[in-house]
Amino acid sequence: MKFLIDAHLPPGLRDVFREAGHDAIHTLDLPEGNATRDGILNEVSATEERVVVTKDTDFFHSHLLHGRPWKLVLVRSGNLGVRATKEMFAQHLPAITAALEDCTLVELEQQRIAIVA
Protein backbone atom coordinates (compact mmCIF):
# COMPACT_ATOMS: atom_id res chain seq x y z
CA MET A 1 0.00 0.00 0.00
CA LYS A 2 1.16 3.56 -0.68
CA PHE A 3 0.97 6.38 1.86
CA LEU A 4 1.45 10.16 1.87
CA ILE A 5 2.24 11.54 5.33
CA ASP A 6 1.16 15.14 5.92
CA ALA A 7 3.31 17.92 7.37
CA HIS A 8 1.72 17.73 10.84
CA LEU A 9 3.30 14.32 11.39
CA PRO A 10 7.02 13.58 11.78
CA PRO A 11 9.02 12.68 8.65
CA GLY A 12 10.51 9.72 10.53
CA LEU A 13 7.11 8.08 10.39
CA ARG A 14 8.00 7.05 6.83
CA ASP A 15 10.34 4.45 8.36
CA VAL A 16 7.51 2.72 10.22
CA PHE A 17 5.55 2.31 6.99
CA ARG A 18 8.58 1.28 4.95
CA GLU A 19 9.72 -1.29 7.53
CA ALA A 20 6.27 -2.86 7.21
CA GLY A 21 6.76 -3.12 3.44
CA HIS A 22 4.77 -0.08 2.32
CA ASP A 23 5.68 2.76 -0.02
CA ALA A 24 5.60 5.94 2.08
CA ILE A 25 6.47 9.53 1.35
CA HIS A 26 6.23 12.67 3.49
CA THR A 27 5.22 16.11 2.27
CA LEU A 28 8.91 17.02 2.62
CA ASP A 29 9.55 14.66 -0.31
CA LEU A 30 7.32 16.73 -2.61
CA PRO A 31 8.65 19.72 -4.62
CA GLU A 32 6.93 22.27 -2.36
CA GLY A 33 7.73 20.35 0.83
CA ASN A 34 5.59 21.10 3.85
CA ALA A 35 4.15 24.13 2.03
CA THR A 36 2.34 21.83 -0.43
CA ARG A 37 -1.32 22.86 -0.66
CA ASP A 38 -4.07 20.43 0.27
CA GLY A 39 -5.33 20.40 -3.32
CA ILE A 40 -1.96 19.14 -4.54
CA LEU A 41 -1.93 16.46 -1.84
CA ASN A 42 -5.39 15.37 -3.00
CA GLU A 43 -4.12 15.18 -6.59
CA VAL A 44 -1.10 13.08 -5.58
CA SER A 45 -3.37 10.84 -3.53
CA ALA A 46 -5.78 10.28 -6.42
CA THR A 47 -3.16 9.96 -9.16
CA GLU A 48 -0.82 7.63 -7.26
CA GLU A 49 -3.53 5.92 -5.16
CA ARG A 50 -1.84 7.03 -1.94
CA VAL A 51 -3.54 7.04 1.44
CA VAL A 52 -3.17 10.46 3.06
CA VAL A 53 -2.14 10.23 6.72
CA THR A 54 -2.92 13.48 8.53
CA LYS A 55 -4.15 15.30 11.61
CA ASP A 56 -5.85 17.95 9.44
CA THR A 57 -9.64 17.66 9.71
CA ASP A 58 -10.04 19.60 6.45
CA PHE A 59 -9.13 16.33 4.70
CA PHE A 60 -11.83 14.52 6.70
CA HIS A 61 -14.54 16.87 5.45
CA SER A 62 -13.17 16.90 1.89
CA HIS A 63 -13.10 13.11 1.83
CA LEU A 64 -16.68 12.76 3.08
CA LEU A 65 -18.05 15.48 0.78
CA HIS A 66 -15.95 15.00 -2.36
CA GLY A 67 -14.14 11.66 -2.06
CA ARG A 68 -10.77 13.43 -1.93
CA PRO A 69 -8.24 12.36 -0.90
CA TRP A 70 -8.49 8.89 -2.39
CA LYS A 71 -8.20 7.22 1.04
CA LEU A 72 -7.51 8.75 4.43
CA VAL A 73 -6.13 7.97 7.86
CA LEU A 74 -7.14 10.76 10.23
CA VAL A 75 -4.95 10.85 13.34
CA ARG A 76 -6.85 11.91 16.46
CA SER A 77 -4.24 11.14 19.07
CA GLY A 78 -3.51 14.65 20.29
CA ASN A 79 0.06 15.81 20.58
CA LEU A 80 2.49 12.94 21.05
CA GLY A 81 6.24 12.88 20.79
CA VAL A 82 7.93 11.34 17.77
CA ARG A 83 8.70 8.07 19.55
CA ALA A 84 5.15 7.65 20.85
CA THR A 85 3.70 8.48 17.42
CA LYS A 86 5.91 5.90 15.73
CA GLU A 87 5.01 3.29 18.36
CA MET A 88 1.31 4.01 17.93
CA PHE A 89 1.55 3.52 14.16
CA ALA A 90 3.70 0.40 14.48
CA GLN A 91 1.09 -1.11 16.80
CA HIS A 92 -1.94 -0.25 14.68
CA LEU A 93 -0.55 -0.39 11.13
CA PRO A 94 -1.66 -3.99 10.40
CA ALA A 95 -5.24 -3.15 11.42
CA ILE A 96 -5.14 0.12 9.46
CA THR A 97 -3.99 -1.53 6.25
CA ALA A 98 -6.51 -4.35 6.65
CA ALA A 99 -9.33 -1.84 7.13
CA LEU A 100 -8.22 0.21 4.11
CA GLU A 101 -8.61 -2.84 1.87
CA ASP A 102 -12.40 -2.47 2.17
CA CYS A 103 -12.96 1.12 3.29
CA THR A 104 -11.66 4.60 2.52
CA LEU A 105 -11.50 6.40 5.88
CA VAL A 106 -9.97 5.27 9.15
CA GLU A 107 -9.55 7.29 12.32
CA LEU A 108 -6.56 6.48 14.50
CA GLU A 109 -6.58 7.18 18.21
CA GLN A 110 -3.83 6.26 20.62
CA GLN A 111 -5.50 3.03 21.74
CA ARG A 112 -7.69 2.08 18.77
CA ILE A 113 -8.72 2.58 15.17
CA ALA A 114 -12.23 3.30 13.97
CA ILE A 115 -13.55 2.61 10.49
CA VAL A 116 -15.58 5.61 9.36
CA ALA A 117 -16.31 5.09 5.67
C-alpha atoms as a PDB file:
ATOM      1  CA  MET A   1       0.000   0.000   0.000  1.00  0.00           C
ATOM      2  CA  LYS A   2       1.158   3.564  -0.680  1.00  0.00           C
ATOM      3  CA  PHE A   3       0.968   6.384   1.858  1.00  0.00           C
ATOM      4  CA  LEU A   4       1.445  10.156   1.869  1.00  0.00           C
ATOM      5  CA  ILE A   5       2.245  11.537   5.329  1.00  0.00           C
ATOM      6  CA  ASP A   6       1.162  15.137   5.917  1.00  0.00           C
ATOM      7  CA  ALA A   7       3.312  17.916   7.373  1.00  0.00           C
ATOM      8  CA  HIS A   8       1.722  17.730  10.844  1.00  0.00           C
ATOM      9  CA  LEU A   9       3.302  14.322  11.390  1.00  0.00           C
ATOM     10  CA  PRO A  10       7.019  13.576  11.779  1.00  0.00           C
ATOM     11  CA  PRO A  11       9.022  12.679   8.648  1.00  0.00           C
ATOM     12  CA  GLY A  12      10.513   9.724  10.533  1.00  0.00           C
ATOM     13  CA  LEU A  13       7.109   8.079  10.392  1.00  0.00           C
ATOM     14  CA  ARG A  14       8.000   7.046   6.831  1.00  0.00           C
ATOM     15  CA  ASP A  15      10.343   4.448   8.362  1.00  0.00           C
ATOM     16  CA  VAL A  16       7.507   2.718  10.223  1.00  0.00           C
ATOM     17  CA  PHE A  17       5.551   2.311   6.988  1.00  0.00           C
ATOM     18  CA  ARG A  18       8.582   1.276   4.954  1.00  0.00           C
ATOM     19  CA  GLU A  19       9.721  -1.291   7.529  1.00  0.00           C
ATOM     20  CA  ALA A  20       6.268  -2.856   7.211  1.00  0.00           C
ATOM     21  CA  GLY A  21       6.755  -3.118   3.441  1.00  0.00           C
ATOM     22  CA  HIS A  22       4.767  -0.079   2.321  1.00  0.00           C
ATOM     23  CA  ASP A  23       5.679   2.761  -0.016  1.00  0.00           C
ATOM     24  CA  ALA A  24       5.597   5.939   2.082  1.00  0.00           C
ATOM     25  CA  ILE A  25       6.469   9.535   1.352  1.00  0.00           C
ATOM     26  CA  HIS A  26       6.228  12.665   3.490  1.00  0.00           C
ATOM     27  CA  THR A  27       5.221  16.108   2.265  1.00  0.00           C
ATOM     28  CA  LEU A  28       8.910  17.018   2.621  1.00  0.00           C
ATOM     29  CA  ASP A  29       9.554  14.663  -0.313  1.00  0.00           C
ATOM     30  CA  LEU A  30       7.319  16.734  -2.613  1.00  0.00           C
ATOM     31  CA  PRO A  31       8.648  19.716  -4.617  1.00  0.00           C
ATOM     32  CA  GLU A  32       6.929  22.275  -2.360  1.00  0.00           C
ATOM     33  CA  GLY A  33       7.731  20.353   0.828  1.00  0.00           C
ATOM     34  CA  ASN A  34       5.587  21.099   3.851  1.00  0.00           C
ATOM     35  CA  ALA A  35       4.148  24.125   2.028  1.00  0.00           C
ATOM     36  CA  THR A  36       2.343  21.829  -0.434  1.00  0.00           C
ATOM     37  CA  ARG A  37      -1.316  22.865  -0.656  1.00  0.00           C
ATOM     38  CA  ASP A  38      -4.071  20.434   0.272  1.00  0.00           C
ATOM     39  CA  GLY A  39      -5.330  20.399  -3.321  1.00  0.00           C
ATOM     40  CA  ILE A  40      -1.963  19.139  -4.537  1.00  0.00           C
ATOM     41  CA  LEU A  41      -1.927  16.458  -1.835  1.00  0.00           C
ATOM     42  CA  ASN A  42      -5.388  15.365  -3.000  1.00  0.00           C
ATOM     43  CA  GLU A  43      -4.121  15.181  -6.591  1.00  0.00           C
ATOM     44  CA  VAL A  44      -1.099  13.084  -5.580  1.00  0.00           C
ATOM     45  CA  SER A  45      -3.369  10.839  -3.529  1.00  0.00           C
ATOM     46  CA  ALA A  46      -5.780  10.282  -6.422  1.00  0.00           C
ATOM     47  CA  THR A  47      -3.156   9.960  -9.160  1.00  0.00           C
ATOM     48  CA  GLU A  48      -0.824   7.631  -7.256  1.00  0.00           C
ATOM     49  CA  GLU A  49      -3.527   5.923  -5.155  1.00  0.00           C
ATOM     50  CA  ARG A  50      -1.837   7.029  -1.942  1.00  0.00           C
ATOM     51  CA  VAL A  51      -3.537   7.037   1.441  1.00  0.00           C
ATOM     52  CA  VAL A  52      -3.171  10.457   3.059  1.00  0.00           C
ATOM     53  CA  VAL A  53      -2.142  10.232   6.721  1.00  0.00           C
ATOM     54  CA  THR A  54      -2.919  13.475   8.531  1.00  0.00           C
ATOM     55  CA  LYS A  55      -4.154  15.300  11.612  1.00  0.00           C
ATOM     56  CA  ASP A  56      -5.846  17.949   9.441  1.00  0.00           C
ATOM     57  CA  THR A  57      -9.645  17.655   9.711  1.00  0.00           C
ATOM     58  CA  ASP A  58     -10.040  19.597   6.445  1.00  0.00           C
ATOM     59  CA  PHE A  59      -9.132  16.333   4.703  1.00  0.00           C
ATOM     60  CA  PHE A  60     -11.826  14.521   6.703  1.00  0.00           C
ATOM     61  CA  HIS A  61     -14.544  16.873   5.446  1.00  0.00           C
ATOM     62  CA  SER A  62     -13.168  16.896   1.893  1.00  0.00           C
ATOM     63  CA  HIS A  63     -13.103  13.107   1.828  1.00  0.00           C
ATOM     64  CA  LEU A  64     -16.676  12.763   3.079  1.00  0.00           C
ATOM     65  CA  LEU A  65     -18.047  15.478   0.780  1.00  0.00           C
ATOM     66  CA  HIS A  66     -15.955  14.998  -2.360  1.00  0.00           C
ATOM     67  CA  GLY A  67     -14.144  11.660  -2.058  1.00  0.00           C
ATOM     68  CA  ARG A  68     -10.770  13.433  -1.926  1.00  0.00           C
ATOM     69  CA  PRO A  69      -8.241  12.356  -0.899  1.00  0.00           C
ATOM     70  CA  TRP A  70      -8.485   8.888  -2.393  1.00  0.00           C
ATOM     71  CA  LYS A  71      -8.196   7.219   1.036  1.00  0.00           C
ATOM     72  CA  LEU A  72      -7.512   8.749   4.430  1.00  0.00           C
ATOM     73  CA  VAL A  73      -6.134   7.971   7.865  1.00  0.00           C
ATOM     74  CA  LEU A  74      -7.135  10.761  10.232  1.00  0.00           C
ATOM     75  CA  VAL A  75      -4.948  10.852  13.344  1.00  0.00           C
ATOM     76  CA  ARG A  76      -6.854  11.909  16.463  1.00  0.00           C
ATOM     77  CA  SER A  77      -4.236  11.136  19.068  1.00  0.00           C
ATOM     78  CA  GLY A  78      -3.512  14.651  20.293  1.00  0.00           C
ATOM     79  CA  ASN A  79       0.065  15.808  20.583  1.00  0.00           C
ATOM     80  CA  LEU A  80       2.486  12.938  21.046  1.00  0.00           C
ATOM     81  CA  GLY A  81       6.243  12.882  20.786  1.00  0.00           C
ATOM     82  CA  VAL A  82       7.929  11.343  17.772  1.00  0.00           C
ATOM     83  CA  ARG A  83       8.699   8.066  19.550  1.00  0.00           C
ATOM     84  CA  ALA A  84       5.147   7.649  20.848  1.00  0.00           C
ATOM     85  CA  THR A  85       3.703   8.484  17.423  1.00  0.00           C
ATOM     86  CA  LYS A  86       5.908   5.902  15.733  1.00  0.00           C
ATOM     87  CA  GLU A  87       5.013   3.288  18.360  1.00  0.00           C
ATOM     88  CA  MET A  88       1.310   4.013  17.925  1.00  0.00           C
ATOM     89  CA  PHE A  89       1.547   3.518  14.156  1.00  0.00           C
ATOM     90  CA  ALA A  90       3.699   0.404  14.482  1.00  0.00           C
ATOM     91  CA  GLN A  91       1.092  -1.111  16.801  1.00  0.00           C
ATOM     92  CA  HIS A  92      -1.943  -0.248  14.677  1.00  0.00           C
ATOM     93  CA  LEU A  93      -0.553  -0.389  11.125  1.00  0.00           C
ATOM     94  CA  PRO A  94      -1.657  -3.990  10.403  1.00  0.00           C
ATOM     95  CA  ALA A  95      -5.236  -3.146  11.421  1.00  0.00           C
ATOM     96  CA  ILE A  96      -5.139   0.122   9.462  1.00  0.00           C
ATOM     97  CA  THR A  97      -3.994  -1.528   6.246  1.00  0.00           C
ATOM     98  CA  ALA A  98      -6.514  -4.354   6.652  1.00  0.00           C
ATOM     99  CA  ALA A  99      -9.326  -1.839   7.130  1.00  0.00           C
ATOM    100  CA  LEU A 100      -8.224   0.209   4.111  1.00  0.00           C
ATOM    101  CA  GLU A 101      -8.610  -2.838   1.869  1.00  0.00           C
ATOM    102  CA  ASP A 102     -12.398  -2.466   2.171  1.00  0.00           C
ATOM    103  CA  CYS A 103     -12.961   1.123   3.289  1.00  0.00           C
ATOM    104  CA  THR A 104     -11.656   4.596   2.521  1.00  0.00           C
ATOM    105  CA  LEU A 105     -11.498   6.399   5.879  1.00  0.00           C
ATOM    106  CA  VAL A 106      -9.967   5.266   9.150  1.00  0.00           C
ATOM    107  CA  GLU A 107      -9.547   7.287  12.324  1.00  0.00           C
ATOM    108  CA  LEU A 108      -6.561   6.481  14.504  1.00  0.00           C
ATOM    109  CA  GLU A 109      -6.579   7.181  18.215  1.00  0.00           C
ATOM    110  CA  GLN A 110      -3.833   6.264  20.617  1.00  0.00           C
ATOM    111  CA  GLN A 111      -5.496   3.026  21.745  1.00  0.00           C
ATOM    112  CA  ARG A 112      -7.692   2.081  18.774  1.00  0.00           C
ATOM    113  CA  ILE A 113      -8.716   2.579  15.173  1.00  0.00           C
ATOM    114  CA  ALA A 114     -12.230   3.295  13.965  1.00  0.00           C
ATOM    115  CA  ILE A 115     -13.549   2.609  10.486  1.00  0.00           C
ATOM    116  CA  VAL A 116     -15.585   5.610   9.362  1.00  0.00           C
ATOM    117  CA  ALA A 117     -16.307   5.093   5.673  1.00  0.00           C
END
